[in-house]
Protein backbone atom coordinates (compact mmCIF):
# COMPACT_ATOMS: atom_id res chain seq x y z
CA GLU A 1 62.08 154.00 86.37
CA GLU A 2 58.89 156.02 86.15
CA ASN A 3 55.57 154.38 85.27
CA GLY A 4 57.48 151.36 84.02
CA GLU A 5 59.68 153.44 81.70
CA ARG A 6 63.37 154.08 82.22
CA ARG A 7 63.98 157.81 82.51
CA ILE A 8 67.24 159.69 82.22
CA ASP A 9 68.93 160.89 85.40
CA ARG A 10 69.94 164.11 83.73
CA ALA A 11 72.39 165.35 86.34
CA GLU A 12 74.33 162.08 86.40
CA ALA A 13 74.12 161.60 82.64
CA GLU A 14 75.53 165.08 82.05
CA LYS A 15 78.50 164.26 84.30
CA LEU A 16 79.19 161.21 82.12
CA LEU A 17 78.95 163.28 78.95
CA ASP A 18 81.28 165.94 80.36
CA CYS A 19 83.81 163.26 81.33
CA ALA A 20 83.66 161.75 77.83
CA TYR A 21 84.01 165.12 76.12
CA ALA A 22 86.95 166.13 78.32
CA ALA A 23 88.67 162.85 77.38
CA GLY A 24 88.31 163.58 73.65
CA VAL A 25 85.18 161.55 72.86
CA ASN A 26 83.47 163.42 70.03
CA TYR A 27 80.85 161.04 68.54
CA TYR A 28 77.48 160.91 70.32
CA ASP A 29 74.94 158.34 69.18
CA THR A 30 71.21 158.53 69.87
CA ALA A 31 67.93 157.68 68.14
CA TYR A 32 64.39 158.99 67.81
CA GLY A 33 62.86 156.36 70.08
CA TYR A 34 65.50 156.02 72.80
CA HIS A 35 64.15 156.67 76.30
CA GLY A 36 60.74 157.47 74.88
CA GLY A 37 62.20 160.29 72.81
CA GLU A 38 63.96 161.86 75.79
CA SER A 39 67.45 160.84 74.66
CA GLU A 40 67.73 163.25 71.73
CA GLN A 41 66.31 166.12 73.75
CA PHE A 42 68.68 165.50 76.67
CA LEU A 43 71.67 165.24 74.35
CA GLY A 44 70.79 168.49 72.62
CA GLU A 45 70.47 170.32 75.92
CA ALA A 46 73.58 168.79 77.50
CA MET A 47 75.87 169.44 74.51
CA LYS A 48 74.68 173.00 73.91
CA LYS A 49 77.51 174.37 76.04
CA TYR A 50 80.14 172.99 73.67
CA PRO A 51 81.07 174.39 70.22
CA ARG A 52 78.94 172.54 67.67
CA GLU A 53 81.91 171.94 65.36
CA SER A 54 83.79 170.14 68.16
CA PHE A 55 81.62 167.01 68.16
CA TYR A 56 79.41 164.82 65.98
CA PHE A 57 75.75 163.90 66.45
CA ALA A 58 74.50 160.56 65.14
CA THR A 59 70.80 159.74 65.13
CA LYS A 60 68.44 157.57 63.15
CA LEU A 61 65.27 157.54 61.06
CA PRO A 62 62.96 154.95 62.73
CA ILE A 63 61.93 152.82 59.76
CA TRP A 64 60.26 150.34 62.12
CA MET A 65 57.84 153.07 63.28
CA MET A 66 56.61 153.96 59.80
CA GLN A 67 55.10 150.87 58.22
CA ASP A 68 52.07 152.69 56.81
CA ASP A 69 53.21 156.31 56.87
CA GLY A 70 53.99 158.56 53.95
CA PRO A 71 56.89 160.94 53.22
CA GLU A 72 55.33 163.66 55.36
CA ARG A 73 55.91 161.54 58.47
CA MET A 74 59.63 161.26 57.70
CA GLU A 75 59.78 165.04 57.31
CA GLU A 76 57.95 165.49 60.62
CA ILE A 77 60.31 163.14 62.47
CA PHE A 78 63.44 164.70 60.96
CA SER A 79 62.33 168.22 61.87
CA ASP A 80 61.56 167.01 65.38
CA GLN A 81 65.07 165.54 65.66
CA LEU A 82 66.72 168.82 64.65
CA ARG A 83 64.60 170.61 67.23
CA ARG A 84 65.38 168.12 69.99
CA LEU A 85 69.12 168.15 69.27
CA GLN A 86 69.09 171.97 68.98
CA THR A 87 71.03 171.86 65.74
CA ASP A 88 70.47 172.67 62.07
CA TYR A 89 72.32 169.60 60.79
CA ILE A 90 73.03 165.99 61.78
CA ASP A 91 76.53 164.66 61.17
CA PHE A 92 75.68 160.96 60.82
CA TYR A 93 72.12 159.98 59.91
CA LEU A 94 71.13 156.32 59.75
CA LEU A 95 68.21 154.25 58.58
CA HIS A 96 67.47 152.57 61.90
CA GLY A 97 67.51 148.82 62.57
CA VAL A 98 67.12 147.62 58.99
CA ASP A 99 66.61 143.89 58.36
CA ALA A 100 65.01 142.05 55.41
CA ASP A 101 61.54 143.36 56.27
CA GLY A 102 62.88 146.82 57.00
CA PHE A 103 64.58 146.85 53.62
CA GLU A 104 61.17 146.43 51.97
CA THR A 105 59.83 149.29 54.09
CA VAL A 106 62.76 151.50 53.07
CA LYS A 107 61.99 150.87 49.41
CA ARG A 108 58.26 151.42 49.85
CA LEU A 109 58.69 154.69 51.77
CA GLY A 110 61.47 156.07 49.59
CA ALA A 111 63.46 156.51 52.80
CA TYR A 112 66.85 156.31 51.13
CA ASP A 113 65.98 159.10 48.71
CA PHE A 114 64.67 161.11 51.66
CA ILE A 115 67.93 160.98 53.63
CA ARG A 116 70.00 161.66 50.52
CA GLN A 117 67.82 164.71 49.86
CA LYS A 118 68.50 165.92 53.41
CA GLN A 119 72.19 165.47 52.66
CA ALA A 120 71.84 167.52 49.47
CA GLU A 121 70.14 170.26 51.53
CA GLY A 122 73.10 170.33 53.92
CA LYS A 123 71.03 169.07 56.84
CA VAL A 124 72.84 165.69 56.95
CA ARG A 125 76.58 165.23 56.51
CA HIS A 126 76.92 161.43 56.20
CA VAL A 127 74.28 158.81 55.35
CA GLY A 128 74.36 155.30 56.78
CA ILE A 129 72.42 152.27 57.91
CA SER A 130 72.05 150.46 61.21
CA PHE A 131 71.83 146.81 60.15
CA HIS A 132 70.42 143.68 61.83
CA ASP A 133 70.33 140.57 59.63
CA THR A 134 72.47 138.13 57.65
CA PRO A 135 75.41 138.90 55.36
CA GLU A 136 73.21 137.87 52.40
CA VAL A 137 70.59 140.50 53.23
CA LEU A 138 73.31 143.12 53.77
CA GLU A 139 74.79 142.36 50.36
CA LYS A 140 71.38 142.78 48.73
CA ILE A 141 70.94 146.17 50.41
CA LEU A 142 74.41 147.34 49.43
CA ASP A 143 73.79 146.27 45.84
CA THR A 144 70.70 148.51 45.87
CA TYR A 145 71.85 151.58 47.78
CA ALA A 146 75.16 153.34 48.34
CA PHE A 147 75.95 154.33 51.93
CA ASP A 148 78.78 156.35 53.45
CA PHE A 149 79.14 153.94 56.37
CA VAL A 150 77.41 150.93 57.97
CA GLN A 151 76.70 150.17 61.62
CA ILE A 152 76.63 146.51 62.67
CA GLN A 153 76.61 144.43 65.84
CA LEU A 154 80.19 143.24 66.18
CA ASN A 155 81.99 141.55 69.06
CA TYR A 156 84.09 138.44 69.58
CA LEU A 157 81.03 136.35 70.53
CA ASP A 158 78.87 137.33 67.55
CA TRP A 159 81.85 136.96 65.20
CA THR A 160 80.65 133.38 64.76
CA LEU A 161 77.32 133.28 66.65
CA GLN A 162 75.61 135.81 64.35
CA ASP A 163 78.15 135.61 61.50
CA ALA A 164 79.37 139.13 62.19
CA LYS A 165 82.54 137.92 60.45
CA GLY A 166 80.62 137.58 57.17
CA LYS A 167 79.19 141.08 57.51
CA TYR A 168 82.55 142.55 58.47
CA GLU A 169 84.31 140.93 55.51
CA LEU A 170 81.63 142.15 53.08
CA LEU A 171 82.01 145.72 54.35
CA GLN A 172 85.77 145.45 54.06
CA GLU A 173 85.43 144.27 50.46
CA ARG A 174 83.21 147.28 49.72
CA GLY A 175 85.58 149.67 51.47
CA LEU A 176 82.84 150.91 53.80
CA PRO A 177 83.72 152.37 57.20
CA ILE A 178 82.26 150.31 60.06
CA ILE A 179 80.61 151.65 63.19
CA VAL A 180 80.25 149.02 65.90
CA MET A 181 77.24 148.59 68.18
CA GLU A 182 77.07 146.06 71.03
CA PRO A 183 80.86 145.76 71.35
CA CYS A 184 80.45 144.28 74.82
CA ARG A 185 77.23 142.38 73.99
CA GLY A 186 75.04 144.46 76.32
CA GLY A 187 77.51 143.92 79.15
CA LYS A 188 77.65 140.14 78.75
CA LEU A 189 81.33 140.29 77.76
CA ALA A 190 82.18 142.37 80.84
CA LYS A 191 81.77 139.29 83.03
CA LEU A 192 82.86 135.81 81.92
CA PRO A 193 83.02 132.35 83.51
CA ALA A 194 85.60 132.23 86.31
CA ASP A 195 88.14 130.12 84.37
CA ASP A 196 88.01 132.48 81.39
CA GLU A 197 88.42 135.55 83.57
CA ALA A 198 91.38 133.94 85.35
CA ALA A 199 93.07 133.22 82.02
CA LEU A 200 92.69 136.84 80.89
CA ARG A 201 93.82 138.28 84.22
CA ALA A 202 96.92 136.09 84.06
CA LEU A 203 97.83 137.85 80.82
CA ARG A 204 96.87 141.39 81.84
CA PRO A 205 96.29 141.59 85.61
CA ASP A 206 95.26 145.25 85.59
CA ALA A 207 92.92 145.10 82.57
CA SER A 208 89.17 144.90 83.07
CA ILE A 209 87.34 142.02 81.43
CA ALA A 210 85.32 144.49 79.36
CA SER A 211 88.50 146.06 77.99
CA TRP A 212 89.33 142.83 76.14
CA ALA A 213 86.17 143.21 74.05
CA PHE A 214 87.12 146.76 73.07
CA ARG A 215 90.76 145.92 72.38
CA TRP A 216 89.70 143.02 70.16
CA LEU A 217 87.72 145.43 68.00
CA GLN A 218 90.60 147.89 67.76
CA ASP A 219 92.61 145.20 65.99
CA LEU A 220 90.10 145.02 63.09
CA PRO A 221 90.91 147.24 60.09
CA GLY A 222 87.89 149.21 58.91
CA VAL A 223 86.39 149.68 62.36
CA GLN A 224 86.15 153.46 62.67
CA ILE A 225 83.95 153.97 65.72
CA VAL A 226 83.02 151.75 68.65
CA LEU A 227 79.84 152.70 70.51
CA SER A 228 79.51 152.03 74.21
CA GLY A 229 76.64 152.82 76.56
CA MET A 230 78.15 153.64 79.96
CA PRO A 231 75.60 154.23 82.74
CA GLU A 232 78.18 154.59 85.53
CA MET A 233 81.31 156.70 85.95
CA PRO A 234 83.67 153.74 86.68
CA GLN A 235 82.69 152.25 83.29
CA MET A 236 83.33 155.59 81.60
CA VAL A 237 86.76 155.92 83.20
CA ASP A 238 87.69 152.34 82.34
CA ASN A 239 86.61 152.71 78.71
CA VAL A 240 88.42 156.02 78.29
CA GLU A 241 91.59 154.44 79.66
CA THR A 242 91.21 151.46 77.29
CA PHE A 243 90.83 153.60 74.19
């Protein structure tokens, strides 16, 4: 940490990226506000050594930052993202963290039309949404706008706790590819009560507890990509082995 803000250990983070890339990981997710804006810049610098066509960048338009801004602010942010990522196009571009209130902001700003225009210009390949709300709100959004994919929080705890099941089933009905965030619930599913861990280890003695969360997701049709934030090399190695 530096002045109360978590900074990127660039040398260690680059080792993690290199390990992931060598293992065949090719989808790299970031956002405008992550690490105070440092995330996109680091990713652009660290991935510059690899052929651009060999991986995908995913980043997001921060709807929550633009309550009172006009279209020029979206243009400014998007241009900044291209500069930070050192690229002339973004493979997967999402409206970030949309809920019921965010949906109203998207409509007011014309944000959907903006990202579709960037797609028409060839600066975005696929348009999506990062969603945080109920299945009812998601249905309303999908009845209003057409997306190429949807990113939701999905794991075996939130399947019932946050009705991720309802969101998943709606996306399956619509035939929309699903990108999963929080597959391990921020690490909470990497460590369970002792009795639960013992039961899982009895079934698969060599499998990490976290691997069960990832394997559960791999059994769900429609799940295309599972995102995982891995701050340490042992986690990277374990996840690569799982997938």
